[in-house]
Amino acid sequence: MRRSRLRLTPALLLATAFSFVASAGAQPFGAFVSVPGEPTQSYLSIPHDASLNPTGEFTFEAWVAIRNNSAAEDCRSIAGKNYMQAWWIGLCTVGGKPTLRSYIKGGGSARSGGVIPANEWTHIAVTYDGSTRRHYINGEQVYAYTESGPLTTSTSEMRIGGDVSWQHTPTGAIDEVRLWSVARSQSDLRFWINKTLPGTPPGLVAYWKLDANANDAAGGHDGTSHGAAYLTSPVAGGCTGSASALCLYNRFLVTVQWRDNAGVVSNAQVVPGVGTAQSGLLYFINADNWELLAKMVEGCGLNSRYWVFVSGSTELFYRLNITDVTHGVNKVYFSYNGTNPPAITDTDAFAVCP
């Protein structure tokens, strides 16, 4: 990342919190941190600690809804601990595409792979197991690079939304940042991709939920905000059923994106004339050949939750989005290509009763 190649296009500041929510969709885990991009210097600062420099194995993961602002090479920091000395995770324009880039051994260790869609909540992860670095987008491995040896370290502070040697912030939002001293497997990433971590699992170094503050839920690595705005009262749009959306209980908006074997992404369609106020059917290709049954259950009297149940009959990748429009709370589920998806039986989905 040579400064001479970075195009500093000033980003417009967000007019209001709600204007961003409307453009990016509801967030996965309630509140999140908003980073308005350049020229504003917005980031979270976490004081140096040796544990923030994993040297054997490594995993960084987060949910992001971000963009950069140039078709030229334009690198923006999602998080870093001095990319010239240690690790850095960011978004760079590569070949005209917004691409996940990582450094794990200081300057010269850059590797790029995996497209981060602009302004769409996306789970990203970078892992290193001592022999292979891997990039994941929404739980799918999109890049692998063979390398060996320990990771390098830095005494610089860690930043979320920046880096001490590359304070160029993306425009958008960041949520659920997790740093590990182990290489999380693909199955680990997928299982916990839309769940809050319980307690302190083995290898978890720090866990920033970003729910109105920069505290570390794992303990010991609390941060402070520098110009970044926390959004604690998100609001989504209306709930209106359509050809490609279900509206259940008059408040839960359900949409599905699916991907064919050629990589083309399309919106699933609602089977017309079938379903109730609490359930509905969706199809990908043919209205007479259904792929998904989605339903909500009001379990407020049992565990103060609304439940999600989905059964599917497809081996194609799909992303299921359910948004409670009254609270702006969103849940995202993935089914991966080539698998026979198990039924979703999430009785802990939405803590939004009544």
Protein backbone atom coordinates (compact mmCIF):
# COMPACT_ATOMS: atom_id res chain seq x y z
CA MET A 1 0.00 0.00 0.00
CA ARG A 2 2.04 2.91 -1.24
CA ARG A 3 0.56 6.27 -0.36
CA SER A 4 1.29 7.54 -3.85
CA ARG A 5 -1.19 4.98 -5.21
CA LEU A 6 -4.00 5.82 -2.81
CA ARG A 7 -6.64 8.07 -4.25
CA LEU A 8 -8.01 10.21 -1.44
CA THR A 9 -11.56 10.79 -2.54
CA PRO A 10 -13.41 12.69 0.20
CA ALA A 11 -16.42 10.74 1.43
CA LEU A 12 -19.65 12.49 2.25
CA LEU A 13 -20.48 12.37 5.93
CA LEU A 14 -23.60 10.48 6.85
CA ALA A 15 -26.50 12.83 7.23
CA THR A 16 -28.19 10.72 9.89
CA ALA A 17 -27.86 7.27 11.39
CA PHE A 18 -31.08 6.21 9.76
CA SER A 19 -30.00 7.17 6.25
CA PHE A 20 -27.20 4.64 6.51
CA VAL A 21 -29.44 1.92 7.89
CA ALA A 22 -31.74 2.39 4.93
CA SER A 23 -28.90 2.03 2.45
CA ALA A 24 -27.15 -0.91 4.08
CA GLY A 25 -30.04 -2.85 5.57
CA ALA A 26 -30.58 -3.74 9.17
CA GLN A 27 -27.53 -4.85 11.10
CA PRO A 28 -26.86 -8.42 12.21
CA PHE A 29 -26.43 -7.83 15.95
CA GLY A 30 -28.32 -4.73 17.06
CA ALA A 31 -26.06 -1.71 17.50
CA PHE A 32 -22.91 -1.25 15.43
CA VAL A 33 -20.19 1.31 14.92
CA SER A 34 -20.47 3.70 12.00
CA VAL A 35 -17.32 4.84 10.20
CA PRO A 36 -18.05 7.78 7.88
CA GLY A 37 -14.87 7.47 5.79
CA GLU A 38 -12.44 10.16 4.74
CA PRO A 39 -11.67 12.92 5.39
CA THR A 40 -13.05 12.20 8.88
CA GLN A 41 -10.61 10.40 11.20
CA SER A 42 -12.93 7.81 12.76
CA TYR A 43 -11.64 4.69 14.46
CA LEU A 44 -11.61 2.72 17.70
CA SER A 45 -8.32 2.63 19.57
CA ILE A 46 -7.33 -0.44 21.60
CA PRO A 47 -4.15 -0.09 23.72
CA HIS A 48 -1.26 -2.39 22.89
CA ASP A 49 -1.14 -5.75 24.58
CA ALA A 50 1.07 -8.67 23.62
CA SER A 51 -1.95 -10.97 23.26
CA LEU A 52 -3.21 -8.82 20.37
CA ASN A 53 -0.20 -10.17 18.42
CA PRO A 54 -0.95 -13.90 17.94
CA THR A 55 2.27 -15.48 16.64
CA GLY A 56 1.40 -19.13 16.02
CA GLU A 57 -2.14 -19.22 14.67
CA PHE A 58 -4.53 -16.38 13.89
CA THR A 59 -8.14 -15.58 13.08
CA PHE A 60 -9.77 -12.22 12.53
CA GLU A 61 -13.47 -12.04 11.77
CA ALA A 62 -16.11 -9.33 11.60
CA TRP A 63 -19.35 -8.27 9.97
CA VAL A 64 -18.94 -5.27 7.68
CA ALA A 65 -21.19 -3.15 5.48
CA ILE A 66 -18.62 -0.89 3.86
CA ARG A 67 -17.35 0.61 0.66
CA ASN A 68 -14.41 2.59 -0.61
CA ASN A 69 -14.85 5.46 -2.99
CA SER A 70 -12.60 4.89 -5.95
CA ALA A 71 -12.25 2.53 -8.90
CA ALA A 72 -8.49 3.03 -8.63
CA GLU A 73 -6.43 1.16 -6.02
CA ASP A 74 -7.98 2.48 -2.84
CA CYS A 75 -7.18 0.62 0.37
CA ARG A 76 -9.24 1.16 3.53
CA SER A 77 -8.52 -0.27 6.98
CA ILE A 78 -11.08 -2.51 8.65
CA ALA A 79 -8.69 -3.25 11.52
CA GLY A 80 -4.96 -3.38 12.04
CA LYS A 81 -2.00 -3.45 14.40
CA ASN A 82 0.44 -1.59 12.18
CA TYR A 83 0.49 -3.19 8.75
CA MET A 84 4.18 -2.36 8.34
CA GLN A 85 5.09 -4.55 11.33
CA ALA A 86 2.29 -6.98 12.13
CA TRP A 87 -1.26 -7.67 10.90
CA TRP A 88 -3.87 -5.70 9.00
CA ILE A 89 -7.28 -6.52 7.47
CA GLY A 90 -8.83 -4.20 4.92
CA LEU A 91 -10.68 -3.47 1.72
CA CYS A 92 -8.74 -2.67 -1.47
CA THR A 93 -9.86 -2.08 -5.03
CA VAL A 94 -8.16 -4.81 -7.06
CA GLY A 95 -8.94 -5.11 -10.75
CA GLY A 96 -11.87 -2.78 -10.21
CA LYS A 97 -13.39 -5.01 -7.52
CA PRO A 98 -13.66 -4.33 -3.75
CA THR A 99 -11.37 -7.05 -2.43
CA LEU A 100 -10.45 -8.42 0.99
CA ARG A 101 -6.74 -7.91 1.66
CA SER A 102 -4.66 -9.11 4.60
CA TYR A 103 -1.19 -8.60 6.06
CA ILE A 104 -0.10 -10.97 8.83
CA LYS A 105 3.69 -10.54 8.78
CA GLY A 106 4.15 -6.83 8.25
CA GLY A 107 5.08 -4.98 5.07
CA GLY A 108 5.49 -7.23 2.06
CA SER A 109 3.04 -9.86 3.32
CA ALA A 110 -0.03 -8.53 1.49
CA ARG A 111 -2.40 -11.07 -0.02
CA SER A 112 -5.71 -10.29 -1.73
CA GLY A 113 -8.71 -12.50 -2.40
CA GLY A 114 -12.48 -12.38 -2.06
CA VAL A 115 -14.96 -9.67 -3.07
CA ILE A 116 -16.69 -7.66 -0.31
CA PRO A 117 -20.03 -6.41 -1.73
CA ALA A 118 -20.53 -2.68 -1.22
CA ASN A 119 -23.01 -1.60 1.46
CA GLU A 120 -24.19 -5.16 2.18
CA TRP A 121 -23.68 -6.77 5.56
CA THR A 122 -20.97 -9.36 4.90
CA HIS A 123 -19.07 -11.66 7.21
CA ILE A 124 -15.32 -11.66 6.55
CA ALA A 125 -12.60 -13.81 8.10
CA VAL A 126 -8.83 -14.28 7.72
CA THR A 127 -7.17 -17.33 9.29
CA TYR A 128 -3.63 -18.69 9.54
CA ASP A 129 -2.86 -22.19 10.87
CA GLY A 130 0.94 -22.06 10.66
CA SER A 131 1.07 -23.26 7.06
CA THR A 132 -1.82 -21.69 5.14
CA ARG A 133 -3.50 -18.30 5.15
CA ARG A 134 -7.16 -18.36 4.17
CA HIS A 135 -9.78 -15.71 3.36
CA TYR A 136 -13.49 -16.33 3.89
CA ILE A 137 -16.52 -14.36 2.71
CA ASN A 138 -19.83 -15.30 4.38
CA GLY A 139 -18.35 -18.61 5.51
CA GLU A 140 -17.03 -19.63 2.08
CA GLN A 141 -13.29 -20.00 1.51
CA VAL A 142 -12.37 -17.68 -1.35
CA TYR A 143 -8.57 -17.61 -1.15
CA ALA A 144 -5.68 -19.71 0.22
CA TYR A 145 -1.94 -19.05 0.30
CA THR A 146 0.76 -21.41 1.55
CA GLU A 147 3.29 -19.87 3.93
CA SER A 148 5.10 -20.86 7.12
CA GLY A 149 6.74 -19.48 10.19
CA PRO A 150 5.60 -17.34 13.12
CA LEU A 151 3.68 -14.12 12.70
CA THR A 152 5.40 -10.82 13.36
CA THR A 153 4.48 -8.46 16.18
CA SER A 154 4.10 -4.75 16.88
CA THR A 155 3.89 -2.59 20.00
CA SER A 156 1.53 -0.16 18.25
CA GLU A 157 -2.06 0.21 19.39
CA MET A 158 -4.69 -1.79 17.54
CA ARG A 159 -7.39 0.08 15.66
CA ILE A 160 -10.81 -0.89 14.34
CA GLY A 161 -11.68 1.25 11.33
CA GLY A 162 -8.04 2.29 10.95
CA ASP A 163 -4.37 1.46 11.44
CA VAL A 164 -1.51 3.53 12.87
CA SER A 165 0.34 3.24 9.56
CA TRP A 166 -2.73 3.43 7.29
CA GLN A 167 -5.44 5.58 8.83
CA HIS A 168 -7.74 5.45 5.83
CA THR A 169 -11.21 4.49 6.98
CA PRO A 170 -13.88 2.82 4.82
CA THR A 171 -17.34 4.32 4.59
CA GLY A 172 -19.98 2.24 6.31
CA ALA A 173 -20.28 0.14 9.44
CA ILE A 174 -18.44 -2.59 11.35
CA ASP A 175 -19.84 -5.06 13.89
CA GLU A 176 -18.99 -8.20 15.90
CA VAL A 177 -15.18 -8.03 15.68
CA ARG A 178 -13.43 -11.18 16.96
CA LEU A 179 -9.70 -11.86 17.30
CA TRP A 180 -8.39 -15.37 17.99
CA SER A 181 -5.01 -16.99 18.66
CA VAL A 182 -6.21 -20.14 16.87
CA ALA A 183 -7.13 -20.81 13.26
CA ARG A 184 -10.90 -21.17 13.22
CA SER A 185 -12.12 -23.89 10.88
CA GLN A 186 -14.68 -23.26 8.19
CA SER A 187 -17.25 -25.21 10.19
CA ASP A 188 -16.50 -23.08 13.28
CA LEU A 189 -16.94 -19.89 11.29
CA ARG A 190 -20.18 -21.08 9.76
CA PHE A 191 -21.71 -22.32 13.00
CA TRP A 192 -21.13 -19.03 14.86
CA ILE A 193 -21.52 -16.67 11.90
CA ASN A 194 -24.88 -15.31 13.06
CA LYS A 195 -24.65 -16.08 16.78
CA THR A 196 -23.26 -14.18 19.74
CA LEU A 197 -20.36 -16.04 21.32
CA PRO A 198 -21.09 -17.47 24.77
CA GLY A 199 -18.47 -16.88 27.46
CA THR A 200 -14.84 -17.10 26.36
CA PRO A 201 -14.22 -20.03 23.99
CA PRO A 202 -10.65 -21.44 23.82
CA GLY A 203 -8.36 -19.23 21.76
CA LEU A 204 -10.55 -16.14 21.87
CA VAL A 205 -8.28 -13.12 22.46
CA ALA A 206 -10.84 -10.32 22.25
CA TYR A 207 -14.47 -9.83 21.24
CA TRP A 208 -15.81 -6.37 20.44
CA LYS A 209 -19.60 -6.59 20.07
CA LEU A 210 -19.73 -2.82 19.43
CA ASP A 211 -23.06 -2.46 21.20
CA ALA A 212 -22.84 1.23 22.13
CA ASN A 213 -19.23 1.03 23.31
CA ALA A 214 -15.85 -0.42 22.39
CA ASN A 215 -15.59 -2.79 25.34
CA ASP A 216 -14.05 -6.23 24.93
CA ALA A 217 -16.65 -8.85 25.92
CA ALA A 218 -13.84 -11.34 26.50
CA GLY A 219 -12.23 -8.90 28.94
CA GLY A 220 -9.04 -6.87 29.03
CA HIS A 221 -9.00 -5.03 25.73
CA ASP A 222 -11.52 -2.20 25.98
CA GLY A 223 -11.14 0.55 23.41
CA THR A 224 -12.05 4.19 22.99
CA SER A 225 -13.81 5.95 20.15
CA HIS A 226 -12.13 8.62 18.03
CA GLY A 227 -14.74 10.36 15.94
CA ALA A 228 -16.83 7.22 15.35
CA ALA A 229 -20.56 7.31 16.07
CA TYR A 230 -22.34 4.50 17.88
CA LEU A 231 -25.87 3.76 16.76
CA THR A 232 -28.00 2.35 19.56
CA SER A 233 -31.53 2.90 18.24
CA PRO A 234 -31.56 1.52 14.68
CA VAL A 235 -34.77 1.68 12.71
CA ALA A 236 -35.60 -0.29 9.58
CA GLY A 237 -38.13 0.46 6.88
CA GLY A 238 -41.67 -0.83 6.39
CA CYS A 239 -42.86 -4.40 6.04
CA THR A 240 -44.63 -4.93 2.74
CA GLY A 241 -44.97 -8.27 1.03
CA SER A 242 -44.06 -8.39 -2.65
CA ALA A 243 -43.14 -10.79 -5.43
CA SER A 244 -39.75 -11.29 -3.75
CA ALA A 245 -40.49 -10.64 -0.05
CA LEU A 246 -42.65 -12.15 2.66
CA CYS A 247 -44.04 -10.01 5.48
CA LEU A 248 -44.80 -12.22 8.48
CA TYR A 249 -46.64 -11.06 11.61
CA ASN A 250 -46.83 -7.69 9.81
CA ARG A 251 -43.29 -6.94 11.02
CA PHE A 252 -40.78 -9.58 9.85
CA LEU A 253 -39.55 -8.95 6.30
CA VAL A 254 -38.15 -12.13 4.72
CA THR A 255 -36.01 -12.09 1.56
CA VAL A 256 -33.69 -14.66 -0.01
CA GLN A 257 -30.80 -14.30 -2.46
CA TRP A 258 -29.67 -17.46 -4.23
CA ARG A 259 -26.73 -18.26 -6.51
CA ASP A 260 -26.71 -20.64 -9.44
CA ASN A 261 -23.80 -22.87 -10.44
CA ALA A 262 -22.50 -20.16 -12.77
CA GLY A 263 -22.24 -17.70 -9.87
CA VAL A 264 -25.22 -15.54 -10.87
CA VAL A 265 -27.10 -14.15 -7.86
CA SER A 266 -30.89 -13.71 -8.04
CA ASN A 267 -33.76 -12.98 -5.67
CA ALA A 268 -36.02 -15.85 -4.68
CA GLN A 269 -39.68 -15.32 -5.54
CA VAL A 270 -42.73 -15.80 -3.36
CA VAL A 271 -45.12 -18.55 -4.42
CA PRO A 272 -48.33 -16.61 -5.11
CA GLY A 273 -51.60 -17.53 -3.45
CA VAL A 274 -49.96 -19.82 -0.87
CA GLY A 275 -49.10 -19.13 2.75
CA THR A 276 -50.46 -17.37 5.80
CA ALA A 277 -49.68 -14.33 7.91
CA GLN A 278 -46.98 -16.38 9.66
CA SER A 279 -45.55 -18.52 6.84
CA GLY A 280 -44.84 -18.61 3.13
CA LEU A 281 -43.15 -20.49 0.29
CA LEU A 282 -40.36 -19.30 -1.99
CA TYR A 283 -38.98 -20.62 -5.26
CA PHE A 284 -35.81 -19.98 -7.25
CA ILE A 285 -36.62 -20.95 -10.84
CA ASN A 286 -40.13 -22.32 -11.25
CA ALA A 287 -43.25 -21.33 -9.31
CA ASP A 288 -44.39 -24.97 -9.46
CA ASN A 289 -41.13 -26.23 -7.92
CA TRP A 290 -40.64 -24.75 -4.45
CA GLU A 291 -37.29 -24.46 -2.65
CA LEU A 292 -38.05 -22.99 0.79
CA LEU A 293 -40.76 -22.94 3.41
CA ALA A 294 -40.24 -20.08 5.89
CA LYS A 295 -42.30 -19.51 9.01
CA MET A 296 -42.20 -17.49 12.22
CA VAL A 297 -43.50 -18.58 15.62
CA GLU A 298 -44.36 -16.18 18.42
CA GLY A 299 -42.69 -17.80 21.43
CA CYS A 300 -42.84 -14.77 23.70
CA GLY A 301 -44.75 -16.66 26.40
CA LEU A 302 -42.08 -19.36 26.52
CA ASN A 303 -38.68 -17.69 26.14
CA SER A 304 -39.44 -14.07 25.16
CA ARG A 305 -38.39 -14.71 21.58
CA TYR A 306 -39.82 -14.94 18.09
CA TRP A 307 -38.66 -18.17 16.48
CA VAL A 308 -37.54 -18.91 12.92
CA PHE A 309 -38.20 -22.21 11.16
CA VAL A 310 -37.09 -22.85 7.57
CA SER A 311 -37.05 -26.08 5.57
CA GLY A 312 -35.30 -26.23 2.22
CA SER A 313 -34.82 -28.61 -0.69
CA THR A 314 -31.92 -27.22 -2.69
CA GLU A 315 -28.17 -27.74 -3.02
CA LEU A 316 -27.64 -24.18 -4.21
CA PHE A 317 -26.14 -21.43 -2.06
CA TYR A 318 -28.63 -19.02 -0.55
CA ARG A 319 -28.66 -16.15 1.92
CA LEU A 320 -31.83 -15.70 3.98
CA ASN A 321 -32.47 -12.27 5.52
CA ILE A 322 -35.14 -11.68 8.16
CA THR A 323 -35.64 -8.17 9.51
CA ASP A 324 -37.88 -7.10 12.37
CA VAL A 325 -38.87 -3.71 11.00
CA THR A 326 -40.19 -2.47 14.35
CA HIS A 327 -36.74 -2.71 15.97
CA GLY A 328 -34.40 -2.72 12.98
CA VAL A 329 -32.95 -6.06 14.10
CA ASN A 330 -31.77 -8.45 11.41
CA LYS A 331 -30.83 -12.14 11.29
CA VAL A 332 -28.93 -13.66 8.38
CA TYR A 333 -28.78 -17.38 7.60
CA PHE A 334 -26.64 -19.11 4.95
CA SER A 335 -26.93 -22.41 3.14
CA TYR A 336 -23.86 -23.48 1.20
CA ASN A 337 -23.46 -24.85 -2.30
CA GLY A 338 -23.38 -28.62 -2.64
CA THR A 339 -24.87 -29.33 0.77
CA ASN A 340 -28.28 -30.67 1.65
CA PRO A 341 -29.27 -27.92 4.06
CA PRO A 342 -30.57 -28.93 7.48
CA ALA A 343 -33.78 -27.31 8.61
CA ILE A 344 -33.36 -24.02 10.49
CA THR A 345 -34.96 -24.33 13.93
CA ASP A 346 -33.84 -21.14 15.66
CA THR A 347 -35.82 -20.66 18.86
CA ASP A 348 -33.46 -17.87 19.97
CA ALA A 349 -33.75 -15.74 16.85
CA PHE A 350 -35.40 -12.44 17.85
CA ALA A 351 -35.46 -11.06 21.41
CA VAL A 352 -38.00 -8.42 20.42
CA CYS A 353 -41.12 -9.30 22.39
CA PRO A 354 -43.82 -8.11 22.45
